[in-house]
């Protein structure tokens, strides 16, 4: 599994995951939509910790800085 996410992308995903969790657990976004946000936030956390996004591979994106 080759890393395809840069640091900025990873930080943005972690921040979004925290925001999604806050919105759900504070009761601002309840119900099914809130649960979907929590699941997406969990996926964001996992992908940012791994530095790899399977969707980026399918779409041909790579935000990781190239080393020379």
PDB file of N, CA and C in Angstrom:
ATOM      1  N   UNK A   1       0.853  -1.161   0.000  1.00  0.00           N
ATOM      2  CA  UNK A   1       0.000   0.000   0.000  1.00  0.00           C
ATOM      3  C   UNK A   1       0.909   1.237   0.000  1.00  0.00           C
ATOM      4  N   UNK A   2       0.932   1.920  -1.096  1.00  0.00           N
ATOM      5  CA  UNK A   2       1.759   3.114  -1.258  1.00  0.00           C
ATOM      6  C   UNK A   2       0.980   4.338  -0.784  1.00  0.00           C
ATOM      7  N   UNK A   3       1.626   5.193   0.000  1.00  0.00           N
ATOM      8  CA  UNK A   3       0.956   6.394   0.505  1.00  0.00           C
ATOM      9  C   UNK A   3       0.604   7.321  -0.649  1.00  0.00           C
ATOM     10  N   UNK A   4      -0.609   7.860  -0.601  1.00  0.00           N
ATOM     11  CA  UNK A   4      -1.040   8.780  -1.651  1.00  0.00           C
ATOM     12  C   UNK A   4      -1.718  10.027  -1.087  1.00  0.00           C
ATOM     13  N   UNK A   5      -1.482  10.294   0.213  1.00  0.00           N
ATOM     14  CA  UNK A   5      -2.067  11.471   0.852  1.00  0.00           C
ATOM     15  C   UNK A   5      -0.974  12.327   1.472  1.00  0.00           C
ATOM     16  N   UNK A   6      -1.027  13.620   1.202  1.00  0.00           N
ATOM     17  CA  UNK A   6      -0.081  14.552   1.790  1.00  0.00           C
ATOM     18  C   UNK A   6      -0.500  14.959   3.195  1.00  0.00           C
ATOM     19  N   UNK A   7       0.382  15.673   3.874  1.00  0.00           N
ATOM     20  CA  UNK A   7       0.114  16.087   5.257  1.00  0.00           C
ATOM     21  C   UNK A   7      -1.096  17.005   5.362  1.00  0.00           C
ATOM     22  N   UNK A   8      -1.229  17.939   4.448  1.00  0.00           N
ATOM     23  CA  UNK A   8      -2.372  18.863   4.498  1.00  0.00           C
ATOM     24  C   UNK A   8      -3.687  18.089   4.350  1.00  0.00           C
ATOM     25  N   UNK A   9      -3.721  17.140   3.450  1.00  0.00           N
ATOM     26  CA  UNK A   9      -4.911  16.323   3.229  1.00  0.00           C
ATOM     27  C   UNK A   9      -5.240  15.515   4.481  1.00  0.00           C
ATOM     28  N   UNK A  10      -4.242  14.975   5.121  1.00  0.00           N
ATOM     29  CA  UNK A  10      -4.449  14.175   6.323  1.00  0.00           C
ATOM     30  C   UNK A  10      -4.987  15.031   7.466  1.00  0.00           C
ATOM     31  N   UNK A  11      -4.447  16.232   7.623  1.00  0.00           N
ATOM     32  CA  UNK A  11      -4.899  17.128   8.694  1.00  0.00           C
ATOM     33  C   UNK A  11      -6.338  17.569   8.448  1.00  0.00           C
ATOM     34  N   UNK A  12      -6.667  17.898   7.210  1.00  0.00           N
ATOM     35  CA  UNK A  12      -8.040  18.306   6.875  1.00  0.00           C
ATOM     36  C   UNK A  12      -9.018  17.186   7.179  1.00  0.00           C
ATOM     37  N   UNK A  13      -8.654  15.961   6.840  1.00  0.00           N
ATOM     38  CA  UNK A  13      -9.539  14.816   7.122  1.00  0.00           C
ATOM     39  C   UNK A  13      -9.740  14.622   8.617  1.00  0.00           C
ATOM     40  N   UNK A  14      -8.669  14.765   9.402  1.00  0.00           N
ATOM     41  CA  UNK A  14      -8.807  14.621  10.850  1.00  0.00           C
ATOM     42  C   UNK A  14      -9.698  15.710  11.432  1.00  0.00           C
ATOM     43  N   UNK A  15      -9.532  16.937  10.965  1.00  0.00           N
ATOM     44  CA  UNK A  15     -10.379  18.030  11.440  1.00  0.00           C
ATOM     45  C   UNK A  15     -11.843  17.803  11.076  1.00  0.00           C
ATOM     46  N   UNK A  16     -12.093  17.341   9.858  1.00  0.00           N
ATOM     47  CA  UNK A  16     -13.472  17.042   9.453  1.00  0.00           C
ATOM     48  C   UNK A  16     -14.069  15.928  10.309  1.00  0.00           C
ATOM     49  N   UNK A  17     -13.275  14.921  10.637  1.00  0.00           N
ATOM     50  CA  UNK A  17     -13.761  13.827  11.472  1.00  0.00           C
ATOM     51  C   UNK A  17     -14.154  14.338  12.854  1.00  0.00           C
ATOM     52  N   UNK A  18     -13.358  15.232  13.414  1.00  0.00           N
ATOM     53  CA  UNK A  18     -13.679  15.811  14.723  1.00  0.00           C
ATOM     54  C   UNK A  18     -14.952  16.644  14.637  1.00  0.00           C
ATOM     55  N   UNK A  19     -15.093  17.419  13.582  1.00  0.00           N
ATOM     56  CA  UNK A  19     -16.298  18.238  13.397  1.00  0.00           C
ATOM     57  C   UNK A  19     -17.532  17.347  13.244  1.00  0.00           C
ATOM     58  N   UNK A  20     -17.426  16.291  12.449  1.00  0.00           N
ATOM     59  CA  UNK A  20     -18.557  15.377  12.266  1.00  0.00           C
ATOM     60  C   UNK A  20     -18.966  14.735  13.590  1.00  0.00           C
ATOM     61  N   UNK A  21     -17.978  14.294  14.369  1.00  0.00           N
ATOM     62  CA  UNK A  21     -18.275  13.673  15.659  1.00  0.00           C
ATOM     63  C   UNK A  21     -18.953  14.674  16.591  1.00  0.00           C
ATOM     64  N   UNK A  22     -18.450  15.895  16.613  1.00  0.00           N
ATOM     65  CA  UNK A  22     -19.057  16.928  17.460  1.00  0.00           C
ATOM     66  C   UNK A  22     -20.509  17.184  17.052  1.00  0.00           C
ATOM     67  N   UNK A  23     -20.746  17.317  15.759  1.00  0.00           N
ATOM     68  CA  UNK A  23     -22.106  17.584  15.282  1.00  0.00           C
ATOM     69  C   UNK A  23     -23.072  16.481  15.696  1.00  0.00           C
ATOM     70  N   UNK A  24     -22.611  15.233  15.650  1.00  0.00           N
ATOM     71  CA  UNK A  24     -23.496  14.127  16.017  1.00  0.00           C
ATOM     72  C   UNK A  24     -23.691  14.045  17.526  1.00  0.00           C
ATOM     73  N   UNK A  25     -22.590  14.047  18.277  1.00  0.00           N
ATOM     74  CA  UNK A  25     -22.693  13.832  19.719  1.00  0.00           C
ATOM     75  C   UNK A  25     -23.247  15.037  20.466  1.00  0.00           C
ATOM     76  N   UNK A  26     -23.204  16.219  19.872  1.00  0.00           N
ATOM     77  CA  UNK A  26     -23.832  17.395  20.477  1.00  0.00           C
ATOM     78  C   UNK A  26     -25.318  17.456  20.148  1.00  0.00           C
ATOM     79  N   UNK A  27     -25.783  16.576  19.275  1.00  0.00           N
ATOM     80  CA  UNK A  27     -27.199  16.540  18.927  1.00  0.00           C
ATOM     81  C   UNK A  27     -27.595  17.537  17.862  1.00  0.00           C
ATOM     82  N   UNK A  28     -26.619  18.151  17.224  1.00  0.00           N
ATOM     83  CA  UNK A  28     -26.930  19.128  16.182  1.00  0.00           C
ATOM     84  C   UNK A  28     -27.430  18.428  14.919  1.00  0.00           C
ATOM     85  N   UNK A  29     -26.817  17.298  14.584  1.00  0.00           N
ATOM     86  CA  UNK A  29     -27.241  16.504  13.430  1.00  0.00           C
ATOM     87  C   UNK A  29     -27.599  15.107  13.946  1.00  0.00           C
ATOM     88  N   UNK A  30     -28.859  14.886  14.300  1.00  0.00           N
ATOM     89  CA  UNK A  30     -29.259  13.585  14.849  1.00  0.00           C
ATOM     90  C   UNK A  30     -29.707  12.607  13.761  1.00  0.00           C
ATOM     91  N   UNK A  31     -29.975  11.408  14.188  1.00  0.00           N
ATOM     92  CA  UNK A  31     -30.572  10.399  13.317  1.00  0.00           C
ATOM     93  C   UNK A  31     -29.622   9.780  12.321  1.00  0.00           C
ATOM     94  N   UNK A  32     -30.194   9.364  11.214  1.00  0.00           N
ATOM     95  CA  UNK A  32     -29.444   8.643  10.189  1.00  0.00           C
ATOM     96  C   UNK A  32     -28.342   9.492   9.579  1.00  0.00           C
ATOM     97  N   UNK A  33     -28.620  10.736   9.309  1.00  0.00           N
ATOM     98  CA  UNK A  33     -27.608  11.628   8.727  1.00  0.00           C
ATOM     99  C   UNK A  33     -26.425  11.762   9.683  1.00  0.00           C
ATOM    100  N   UNK A  34     -26.706  11.877  10.967  1.00  0.00           N
ATOM    101  CA  UNK A  34     -25.650  11.973  11.967  1.00  0.00           C
ATOM    102  C   UNK A  34     -24.796  10.724  12.012  1.00  0.00           C
ATOM    103  N   UNK A  35     -25.434   9.570  11.937  1.00  0.00           N
ATOM    104  CA  UNK A  35     -24.682   8.311  11.927  1.00  0.00           C
ATOM    105  C   UNK A  35     -23.817   8.196  10.673  1.00  0.00           C
ATOM    106  N   UNK A  36     -24.342   8.638   9.556  1.00  0.00           N
ATOM    107  CA  UNK A  36     -23.553   8.620   8.327  1.00  0.00           C
ATOM    108  C   UNK A  36     -22.329   9.518   8.477  1.00  0.00           C
ATOM    109  N   UNK A  37     -22.503  10.684   9.084  1.00  0.00           N
ATOM    110  CA  UNK A  37     -21.372  11.574   9.323  1.00  0.00           C
ATOM    111  C   UNK A  37     -20.329  10.922  10.223  1.00  0.00           C
ATOM    112  N   UNK A  38     -20.758  10.210  11.255  1.00  0.00           N
ATOM    113  CA  UNK A  38     -19.822   9.540  12.159  1.00  0.00           C
ATOM    114  C   UNK A  38     -19.062   8.442  11.420  1.00  0.00           C
ATOM    115  N   UNK A  39     -19.749   7.679  10.581  1.00  0.00           N
ATOM    116  CA  UNK A  39     -19.081   6.624   9.814  1.00  0.00           C
ATOM    117  C   UNK A  39     -18.072   7.227   8.843  1.00  0.00           C
ATOM    118  N   UNK A  40     -18.462   8.280   8.141  1.00  0.00           N
ATOM    119  CA  UNK A  40     -17.536   8.951   7.216  1.00  0.00           C
ATOM    120  C   UNK A  40     -16.348   9.520   7.994  1.00  0.00           C
ATOM    121  N   UNK A  41     -16.601  10.079   9.171  1.00  0.00           N
ATOM    122  CA  UNK A  41     -15.523  10.577  10.009  1.00  0.00           C
ATOM    123  C   UNK A  41     -14.577   9.464  10.429  1.00  0.00           C
ATOM    124  N   UNK A  42     -15.112   8.300  10.748  1.00  0.00           N
ATOM    125  CA  UNK A  42     -14.268   7.146  11.090  1.00  0.00           C
ATOM    126  C   UNK A  42     -13.400   6.721   9.921  1.00  0.00           C
ATOM    127  N   UNK A  43     -13.983   6.731   8.733  1.00  0.00           N
ATOM    128  CA  UNK A  43     -13.209   6.393   7.533  1.00  0.00           C
ATOM    129  C   UNK A  43     -12.125   7.433   7.311  1.00  0.00           C
ATOM    130  N   UNK A  44     -12.442   8.711   7.525  1.00  0.00           N
ATOM    131  CA  UNK A  44     -11.440   9.771   7.383  1.00  0.00           C
ATOM    132  C   UNK A  44     -10.286   9.568   8.356  1.00  0.00           C
ATOM    133  N   UNK A  45     -10.591   9.171   9.592  1.00  0.00           N
ATOM    134  CA  UNK A  45      -9.538   8.938  10.581  1.00  0.00           C
ATOM    135  C   UNK A  45      -8.643   7.781  10.149  1.00  0.00           C
ATOM    136  N   UNK A  46      -9.248   6.685   9.724  1.00  0.00           N
ATOM    137  CA  UNK A  46      -8.462   5.517   9.306  1.00  0.00           C
ATOM    138  C   UNK A  46      -7.583   5.822   8.107  1.00  0.00           C
ATOM    139  N   UNK A  47      -8.137   6.502   7.115  1.00  0.00           N
ATOM    140  CA  UNK A  47      -7.348   6.795   5.923  1.00  0.00           C
ATOM    141  C   UNK A  47      -6.254   7.814   6.205  1.00  0.00           C
ATOM    142  N   UNK A  48      -6.518   8.774   7.087  1.00  0.00           N
ATOM    143  CA  UNK A  48      -5.474   9.757   7.381  1.00  0.00           C
ATOM    144  C   UNK A  48      -4.364   9.149   8.217  1.00  0.00           C
ATOM    145  N   UNK A  49      -4.676   8.220   9.107  1.00  0.00           N
ATOM    146  CA  UNK A  49      -3.633   7.553   9.876  1.00  0.00           C
ATOM    147  C   UNK A  49      -2.779   6.641   8.987  1.00  0.00           C
ATOM    148  N   UNK A  50      -3.417   6.007   8.018  1.00  0.00           N
ATOM    149  CA  UNK A  50      -2.686   5.124   7.107  1.00  0.00           C
ATOM    150  C   UNK A  50      -1.962   5.912   6.013  1.00  0.00           C
ATOM    151  N   UNK A  51      -2.449   7.107   5.704  1.00  0.00           N
ATOM    152  CA  UNK A  51      -1.854   7.893   4.631  1.00  0.00           C
ATOM    153  C   UNK A  51      -2.220   7.373   3.254  1.00  0.00           C
ATOM    154  N   UNK A  52      -3.257   6.561   3.196  1.00  0.00           N
ATOM    155  CA  UNK A  52      -3.667   5.935   1.946  1.00  0.00           C
ATOM    156  C   UNK A  52      -5.176   6.040   1.794  1.00  0.00           C
ATOM    157  N   UNK A  53      -5.627   6.474   0.616  1.00  0.00           N
ATOM    158  CA  UNK A  53      -7.049   6.558   0.318  1.00  0.00           C
ATOM    159  C   UNK A  53      -7.341   5.695  -0.913  1.00  0.00           C
ATOM    160  N   UNK A  54      -8.129   4.631  -0.758  1.00  0.00           N
ATOM    161  CA  UNK A  54      -8.442   3.771  -1.901  1.00  0.00           C
ATOM    162  C   UNK A  54      -9.159   4.517  -3.029  1.00  0.00           C
ATOM    163  N   UNK A  55      -9.983   5.489  -2.683  1.00  0.00           N
ATOM    164  CA  UNK A  55     -10.693   6.264  -3.697  1.00  0.00           C
ATOM    165  C   UNK A  55      -9.714   7.069  -4.548  1.00  0.00           C
ATOM    166  N   UNK A  56      -8.661   7.598  -3.923  1.00  0.00           N
ATOM    167  CA  UNK A  56      -7.643   8.321  -4.680  1.00  0.00           C
ATOM    168  C   UNK A  56      -6.981   7.416  -5.705  1.00  0.00           C
ATOM    169  N   UNK A  57      -6.769   6.161  -5.349  1.00  0.00           N
ATOM    170  CA  UNK A  57      -6.157   5.213  -6.285  1.00  0.00           C
ATOM    171  C   UNK A  57      -7.057   5.007  -7.492  1.00  0.00           C
ATOM    172  N   UNK A  58      -8.347   4.858  -7.253  1.00  0.00           N
ATOM    173  CA  UNK A  58      -9.285   4.649  -8.356  1.00  0.00           C
ATOM    174  C   UNK A  58      -9.376   5.871  -9.268  1.00  0.00           C
ATOM    175  N   UNK A  59      -9.294   7.059  -8.666  1.00  0.00           N
ATOM    176  CA  UNK A  59      -9.435   8.298  -9.435  1.00  0.00           C
ATOM    177  C   UNK A  59      -8.098   8.835  -9.953  1.00  0.00           C
ATOM    178  N   UNK A  60      -6.990   8.243  -9.508  1.00  0.00           N
ATOM    179  CA  UNK A  60      -5.674   8.657  -9.993  1.00  0.00           C
ATOM    180  C   UNK A  60      -5.122   9.886  -9.287  1.00  0.00           C
ATOM    181  N   UNK A  61      -5.631  10.214  -8.104  1.00  0.00           N
ATOM    182  CA  UNK A  61      -5.134  11.370  -7.338  1.00  0.00           C
ATOM    183  C   UNK A  61      -3.941  10.949  -6.491  1.00  0.00           C
ATOM    184  N   UNK A  62      -3.073  11.919  -6.209  1.00  0.00           N
ATOM    185  CA  UNK A  62      -1.969  11.709  -5.308  1.00  0.00           C
ATOM    186  C   UNK A  62      -1.585  13.068  -4.731  1.00  0.00           C
ATOM    187  N   UNK A  63      -1.857  13.283  -3.441  1.00  0.00           N
ATOM    188  CA  UNK A  63      -1.521  14.557  -2.814  1.00  0.00           C
ATOM    189  C   UNK A  63      -0.233  14.477  -2.006  1.00  0.00           C
ATOM    190  N   UNK A  64       0.415  13.331  -2.057  1.00  0.00           N
ATOM    191  CA  UNK A  64       1.666  13.132  -1.331  1.00  0.00           C
ATOM    192  C   UNK A  64       2.807  13.811  -2.083  1.00  0.00           C
ATOM    193  N   UNK A  65       3.684  14.480  -1.317  1.00  0.00           N
ATOM    194  CA  UNK A  65       4.834  15.140  -1.926  1.00  0.00           C
ATOM    195  C   UNK A  65       5.804  14.094  -2.484  1.00  0.00           C
ATOM    196  N   UNK A  66       6.328  14.360  -3.657  1.00  0.00           N
ATOM    197  CA  UNK A  66       7.260  13.426  -4.281  1.00  0.00           C
ATOM    198  C   UNK A  66       8.660  13.657  -3.748  1.00  0.00           C
ATOM    199  N   UNK A  67       9.316  12.565  -3.362  1.00  0.00           N
ATOM    200  CA  UNK A  67      10.695  12.652  -2.874  1.00  0.00           C
ATOM    201  C   UNK A  67      11.653  12.423  -4.030  1.00  0.00           C
ATOM    202  N   UNK A  68      12.746  13.201  -4.032  1.00  0.00           N
ATOM    203  CA  UNK A  68      13.733  13.053  -5.105  1.00  0.00           C
ATOM    204  C   UNK A  68      14.943  12.299  -4.608  1.00  0.00           C
TER     205      UNK A  68
END
